[in-house]
């Protein structure tokens, strides 16, 4: 007998997104005065989004331990939050 727990798995990945520990990338989204910094995980972004994989391929963590930082000024923080929730948990809340 097998049982699938995709809803629990999805919820766990959303919790990872909302956790302020263990992230390795910051993403600055929006333009002044509506700018928000998101914390995320390169491995999840790379495997869930071919677009983000291409962008992050050139942005490896520096040997000095500083975090990777990318900017998306042309996306609103509200829209990017929806995108991240989909990337992490497969959930779209409109």
Protein backbone atom coordinates (compact mmCIF):
# COMPACT_ATOMS: atom_id res chain seq x y z
CA UNK A 1 0.00 0.00 0.00
CA UNK A 2 1.39 3.39 -0.90
CA UNK A 3 0.14 6.77 0.10
CA UNK A 4 1.20 10.12 -1.31
CA UNK A 5 1.78 13.08 0.96
CA UNK A 6 2.19 15.88 -1.55
CA UNK A 7 0.19 18.40 0.48
CA UNK A 8 2.46 17.86 3.51
CA UNK A 9 5.56 18.04 1.31
CA UNK A 10 4.28 21.24 -0.26
CA UNK A 11 3.64 22.73 3.18
CA UNK A 12 7.15 21.77 4.34
CA UNK A 13 8.72 23.58 1.38
CA UNK A 14 6.64 26.69 2.12
CA UNK A 15 7.97 26.52 5.70
CA UNK A 16 11.52 26.38 4.32
CA UNK A 17 10.79 29.52 2.30
CA UNK A 18 9.42 31.34 5.35
CA UNK A 19 12.28 30.25 7.64
CA UNK A 20 15.00 32.86 8.09
CA UNK A 21 17.76 30.28 8.49
CA UNK A 22 19.87 28.35 6.01
CA UNK A 23 19.17 30.58 2.99
CA UNK A 24 22.04 31.25 0.59
CA UNK A 25 20.66 33.93 -1.70
CA UNK A 26 18.92 37.28 -1.32
CA UNK A 27 16.69 38.65 -4.04
CA UNK A 28 15.93 42.37 -4.18
CA UNK A 29 12.62 42.97 -5.92
CA UNK A 30 10.86 46.19 -6.95
CA UNK A 31 11.82 49.83 -7.26
CA UNK A 32 12.02 52.58 -4.63
CA UNK A 33 10.00 53.09 -2.53
CA UNK A 34 8.45 49.63 -3.02
CA UNK A 35 11.47 47.33 -2.58
CA UNK A 36 11.54 44.04 -0.70
CA UNK A 37 14.40 41.63 -0.01
CA UNK A 38 13.51 37.93 -0.22
CA UNK A 39 15.64 35.13 1.20
CA UNK A 40 15.76 31.90 -0.76
CA UNK A 41 17.72 28.76 -1.54
CA UNK A 42 19.69 28.47 -4.77
CA UNK A 43 19.21 24.73 -5.10
CA UNK A 44 15.42 24.99 -4.99
CA UNK A 45 15.33 27.94 -7.38
CA UNK A 46 17.66 26.22 -9.85
CA UNK A 47 15.77 22.94 -9.93
CA UNK A 48 12.30 24.46 -10.05
CA UNK A 49 12.89 27.27 -12.56
CA UNK A 50 14.95 27.09 -15.77
CA UNK A 51 14.82 30.91 -15.93
CA UNK A 52 16.32 31.32 -12.46
CA UNK A 53 18.84 28.55 -13.16
CA UNK A 54 20.21 30.55 -16.12
CA UNK A 55 20.48 33.70 -14.03
CA UNK A 56 22.06 31.95 -11.05
CA UNK A 57 24.55 29.95 -13.15
CA UNK A 58 26.81 33.00 -13.23
CA UNK A 59 26.20 33.93 -9.59
CA UNK A 60 28.01 31.38 -7.45
CA UNK A 61 28.65 31.96 -3.75
CA UNK A 62 31.92 33.77 -3.27
CA UNK A 63 34.74 31.99 -1.49
CA UNK A 64 34.62 34.67 1.20
CA UNK A 65 31.20 33.41 2.32
CA UNK A 66 29.13 36.37 1.15
CA UNK A 67 25.65 35.57 -0.05
CA UNK A 68 24.59 35.71 -3.66
CA UNK A 69 22.42 38.77 -4.29
CA UNK A 70 20.34 39.39 -7.40
CA UNK A 71 17.94 42.19 -8.33
CA UNK A 72 14.63 42.17 -10.20
CA UNK A 73 13.59 45.84 -10.27
CA UNK A 74 10.83 45.30 -12.85
CA UNK A 75 8.76 42.88 -10.76
CA UNK A 76 6.54 44.01 -7.91
CA UNK A 77 7.23 42.39 -4.51
CA UNK A 78 3.62 41.17 -4.35
CA UNK A 79 3.92 39.33 -7.68
CA UNK A 80 7.32 37.89 -6.79
CA UNK A 81 5.92 36.54 -3.51
CA UNK A 82 3.30 34.64 -5.53
CA UNK A 83 6.01 33.30 -7.85
CA UNK A 84 8.16 32.13 -4.93
CA UNK A 85 5.25 30.35 -3.26
CA UNK A 86 4.60 28.53 -6.51
CA UNK A 87 8.28 27.63 -6.98
CA UNK A 88 8.56 26.27 -3.43
CA UNK A 89 5.18 24.72 -2.81
CA UNK A 90 3.27 24.49 -6.06
CA UNK A 91 0.66 26.84 -4.58
CA UNK A 92 -0.84 29.83 -6.35
CA UNK A 93 -2.92 32.22 -4.25
CA UNK A 94 -4.38 35.00 -6.35
